[in-house]
Amino acid sequence: MARGPKKSLEDKIKEKEELIQGLKRRIKAEQEELDALSAEKRNQELAAISSLIEAAGIKPEQAVEILKEYVEECKEEQSA
């Protein structure tokens, strides 16, 4: 069975370079999509925390102080 003419090394190199460039573009697009999904997840988590704070009837500043105290207590327990 006859095949087409054998590709030169230069043609093979060019094809591989093009393939790699295409894959790099694909990776970049996938990374952008991953970043967008991560940001969306973070926003949902922050919205849930905000709703909890609001439902508890405390101000954001109070929530920060409560969390700081909690973190400090946890550090003290770990040190003991």
N, C-alpha and C. Protein backbone atom coordinates (compact mmCIF):
# COMPACT_ATOMS: atom_id res chain seq x y z
N MET A 1 0.84 -1.17 0.00
CA MET A 1 0.00 0.00 0.00
C MET A 1 0.89 1.24 0.00
N ALA A 2 0.67 2.12 -0.92
CA ALA A 2 1.51 3.31 -1.05
C ALA A 2 1.07 4.37 -0.05
N ARG A 3 2.04 4.95 0.56
CA ARG A 3 1.77 6.06 1.47
C ARG A 3 2.17 7.35 0.78
N GLY A 4 1.75 8.45 1.41
CA GLY A 4 2.15 9.74 0.87
C GLY A 4 3.64 9.96 1.11
N PRO A 5 4.14 11.04 0.59
CA PRO A 5 5.57 11.30 0.78
C PRO A 5 5.90 11.44 2.27
N LYS A 6 7.08 10.97 2.64
CA LYS A 6 7.51 11.02 4.03
C LYS A 6 7.72 12.48 4.42
N LYS A 7 7.25 12.81 5.64
CA LYS A 7 7.38 14.18 6.12
C LYS A 7 8.83 14.44 6.52
N SER A 8 9.25 15.64 6.23
CA SER A 8 10.61 16.00 6.64
C SER A 8 10.63 16.27 8.14
N LEU A 9 11.81 16.26 8.70
CA LEU A 9 11.95 16.57 10.12
C LEU A 9 11.43 17.97 10.41
N GLU A 10 11.66 18.89 9.50
CA GLU A 10 11.19 20.26 9.70
C GLU A 10 9.67 20.31 9.78
N ASP A 11 9.00 19.53 8.94
CA ASP A 11 7.53 19.48 8.98
C ASP A 11 7.05 18.87 10.29
N LYS A 12 7.73 17.80 10.72
CA LYS A 12 7.35 17.16 11.98
C LYS A 12 7.54 18.12 13.16
N ILE A 13 8.65 18.84 13.15
CA ILE A 13 8.92 19.81 14.21
C ILE A 13 7.85 20.90 14.21
N LYS A 14 7.52 21.40 13.03
CA LYS A 14 6.50 22.45 12.92
C LYS A 14 5.16 21.95 13.45
N GLU A 15 4.78 20.72 13.10
CA GLU A 15 3.51 20.15 13.59
C GLU A 15 3.50 20.04 15.11
N LYS A 16 4.60 19.59 15.68
CA LYS A 16 4.68 19.46 17.14
C LYS A 16 4.62 20.82 17.82
N GLU A 17 5.28 21.81 17.25
CA GLU A 17 5.23 23.16 17.80
C GLU A 17 3.80 23.70 17.78
N GLU A 18 3.11 23.46 16.67
CA GLU A 18 1.72 23.91 16.56
C GLU A 18 0.83 23.18 17.56
N LEU A 19 1.06 21.89 17.71
CA LEU A 19 0.30 21.10 18.68
C LEU A 19 0.52 21.64 20.09
N ILE A 20 1.77 21.90 20.43
CA ILE A 20 2.09 22.42 21.76
C ILE A 20 1.44 23.78 21.98
N GLN A 21 1.47 24.64 20.99
CA GLN A 21 0.84 25.96 21.12
C GLN A 21 -0.67 25.81 21.34
N GLY A 22 -1.28 24.89 20.61
CA GLY A 22 -2.71 24.64 20.80
C GLY A 22 -3.01 24.14 22.20
N LEU A 23 -2.16 23.26 22.70
CA LEU A 23 -2.36 22.74 24.06
C LEU A 23 -2.16 23.83 25.10
N LYS A 24 -1.20 24.71 24.87
CA LYS A 24 -0.99 25.83 25.80
C LYS A 24 -2.22 26.74 25.85
N ARG A 25 -2.81 27.00 24.68
CA ARG A 25 -4.03 27.82 24.65
C ARG A 25 -5.15 27.11 25.40
N ARG A 26 -5.25 25.81 25.23
CA ARG A 26 -6.27 25.02 25.92
C ARG A 26 -6.06 25.07 27.43
N ILE A 27 -4.82 24.91 27.86
CA ILE A 27 -4.52 24.96 29.29
C ILE A 27 -4.87 26.33 29.85
N LYS A 28 -4.54 27.39 29.12
CA LYS A 28 -4.85 28.74 29.57
C LYS A 28 -6.36 28.92 29.72
N ALA A 29 -7.12 28.45 28.74
CA ALA A 29 -8.58 28.56 28.80
C ALA A 29 -9.14 27.76 29.97
N GLU A 30 -8.62 26.57 30.19
CA GLU A 30 -9.08 25.73 31.30
C GLU A 30 -8.74 26.38 32.64
N GLN A 31 -7.55 27.00 32.74
CA GLN A 31 -7.15 27.67 33.97
C GLN A 31 -8.06 28.86 34.26
N GLU A 32 -8.41 29.60 33.21
CA GLU A 32 -9.33 30.73 33.38
C GLU A 32 -10.69 30.25 33.88
N GLU A 33 -11.16 29.13 33.33
CA GLU A 33 -12.44 28.58 33.77
C GLU A 33 -12.35 28.11 35.22
N LEU A 34 -11.25 27.47 35.58
CA LEU A 34 -11.05 27.03 36.96
C LEU A 34 -11.02 28.22 37.91
N ASP A 35 -10.33 29.27 37.52
CA ASP A 35 -10.26 30.48 38.35
C ASP A 35 -11.65 31.08 38.55
N ALA A 36 -12.45 31.11 37.49
CA ALA A 36 -13.81 31.65 37.59
C ALA A 36 -14.66 30.79 38.52
N LEU A 37 -14.54 29.48 38.41
CA LEU A 37 -15.30 28.58 39.28
C LEU A 37 -14.87 28.74 40.74
N SER A 38 -13.57 28.88 40.96
CA SER A 38 -13.07 29.08 42.33
C SER A 38 -13.59 30.39 42.91
N ALA A 39 -13.61 31.44 42.10
CA ALA A 39 -14.13 32.73 42.56
C ALA A 39 -15.62 32.63 42.88
N GLU A 40 -16.36 31.91 42.04
CA GLU A 40 -17.79 31.72 42.28
C GLU A 40 -18.02 30.96 43.59
N LYS A 41 -17.23 29.93 43.82
CA LYS A 41 -17.35 29.16 45.06
C LYS A 41 -17.05 30.04 46.27
N ARG A 42 -16.00 30.83 46.17
CA ARG A 42 -15.63 31.74 47.27
C ARG A 42 -16.76 32.73 47.53
N ASN A 43 -17.34 33.28 46.49
CA ASN A 43 -18.44 34.23 46.66
C ASN A 43 -19.64 33.57 47.33
N GLN A 44 -19.93 32.32 46.96
CA GLN A 44 -21.04 31.60 47.60
C GLN A 44 -20.76 31.37 49.07
N GLU A 45 -19.52 31.00 49.38
CA GLU A 45 -19.15 30.79 50.79
C GLU A 45 -19.25 32.08 51.58
N LEU A 46 -18.78 33.18 51.00
CA LEU A 46 -18.87 34.47 51.68
C LEU A 46 -20.32 34.90 51.86
N ALA A 47 -21.16 34.62 50.88
CA ALA A 47 -22.58 34.95 50.99
C ALA A 47 -23.23 34.15 52.12
N ALA A 48 -22.84 32.88 52.25
CA ALA A 48 -23.39 32.04 53.33
C ALA A 48 -22.96 32.58 54.69
N ILE A 49 -21.70 32.98 54.79
CA ILE A 49 -21.21 33.55 56.06
C ILE A 49 -21.93 34.86 56.35
N SER A 50 -22.10 35.68 55.34
CA SER A 50 -22.79 36.96 55.50
C SER A 50 -24.23 36.75 55.96
N SER A 51 -24.90 35.77 55.38
CA SER A 51 -26.28 35.47 55.78
C SER A 51 -26.34 35.00 57.22
N LEU A 52 -25.38 34.18 57.63
CA LEU A 52 -25.33 33.70 59.00
C LEU A 52 -25.13 34.85 59.98
N ILE A 53 -24.22 35.74 59.65
CA ILE A 53 -23.95 36.91 60.50
C ILE A 53 -25.20 37.77 60.61
N GLU A 54 -25.84 37.99 59.47
CA GLU A 54 -27.06 38.80 59.45
C GLU A 54 -28.18 38.14 60.26
N ALA A 55 -28.34 36.83 60.09
CA ALA A 55 -29.39 36.10 60.82
C ALA A 55 -29.13 36.13 62.32
N ALA A 56 -27.86 36.17 62.71
CA ALA A 56 -27.51 36.21 64.13
C ALA A 56 -27.70 37.60 64.71
N GLY A 57 -27.91 38.57 63.84
CA GLY A 57 -28.14 39.93 64.30
C GLY A 57 -26.89 40.63 64.82
N ILE A 58 -25.74 40.22 64.31
CA ILE A 58 -24.53 40.90 64.74
C ILE A 58 -23.92 41.67 63.57
N LYS A 59 -23.14 42.67 63.92
CA LYS A 59 -22.49 43.49 62.90
C LYS A 59 -21.21 42.78 62.44
N PRO A 60 -20.79 43.07 61.22
CA PRO A 60 -19.56 42.44 60.72
C PRO A 60 -18.36 42.67 61.64
N GLU A 61 -18.27 43.86 62.21
CA GLU A 61 -17.15 44.16 63.11
C GLU A 61 -17.19 43.23 64.34
N GLN A 62 -18.40 42.97 64.83
CA GLN A 62 -18.54 42.07 65.97
C GLN A 62 -18.13 40.65 65.58
N ALA A 63 -18.51 40.25 64.38
CA ALA A 63 -18.15 38.90 63.90
C ALA A 63 -16.63 38.76 63.82
N VAL A 64 -15.97 39.81 63.37
CA VAL A 64 -14.51 39.77 63.28
C VAL A 64 -13.91 39.58 64.67
N GLU A 65 -14.42 40.33 65.64
CA GLU A 65 -13.91 40.21 67.01
C GLU A 65 -14.18 38.82 67.59
N ILE A 66 -15.36 38.30 67.34
CA ILE A 66 -15.71 36.95 67.82
C ILE A 66 -14.75 35.92 67.22
N LEU A 67 -14.49 36.03 65.93
CA LEU A 67 -13.58 35.09 65.28
C LEU A 67 -12.15 35.23 65.80
N LYS A 68 -11.71 36.47 66.03
CA LYS A 68 -10.37 36.68 66.58
C LYS A 68 -10.24 36.02 67.95
N GLU A 69 -11.26 36.20 68.78
CA GLU A 69 -11.25 35.58 70.11
C GLU A 69 -11.22 34.06 69.99
N TYR A 70 -12.03 33.53 69.08
CA TYR A 70 -12.08 32.07 68.88
C TYR A 70 -10.72 31.54 68.44
N VAL A 71 -10.09 32.21 67.49
CA VAL A 71 -8.78 31.78 66.99
C VAL A 71 -7.76 31.83 68.12
N GLU A 72 -7.81 32.88 68.91
CA GLU A 72 -6.87 33.00 70.04
C GLU A 72 -7.08 31.87 71.04
N GLU A 73 -8.32 31.54 71.34
CA GLU A 73 -8.63 30.43 72.25
C GLU A 73 -8.09 29.10 71.69
N CYS A 74 -8.27 28.91 70.40
CA CYS A 74 -7.77 27.67 69.77
C CYS A 74 -6.25 27.58 69.87
N LYS A 75 -5.57 28.70 69.66
CA LYS A 75 -4.12 28.72 69.78
C LYS A 75 -3.69 28.37 71.19
N GLU A 76 -4.39 28.93 72.17
CA GLU A 76 -4.06 28.67 73.57
C GLU A 76 -4.27 27.20 73.91
N GLU A 77 -5.35 26.61 73.40
CA GLU A 77 -5.63 25.19 73.65
C GLU A 77 -4.56 24.30 73.03
N GLN A 78 -4.08 24.68 71.86
CA GLN A 78 -3.05 23.89 71.19
C GLN A 78 -1.71 24.01 71.92
N SER A 79 -1.48 25.15 72.53
CA SER A 79 -0.22 25.37 73.25
C SER A 79 -0.20 24.61 74.57
N ALA A 80 -1.38 24.39 75.14
CA ALA A 80 -1.46 23.74 76.46
C ALA A 80 -1.14 22.27 76.41
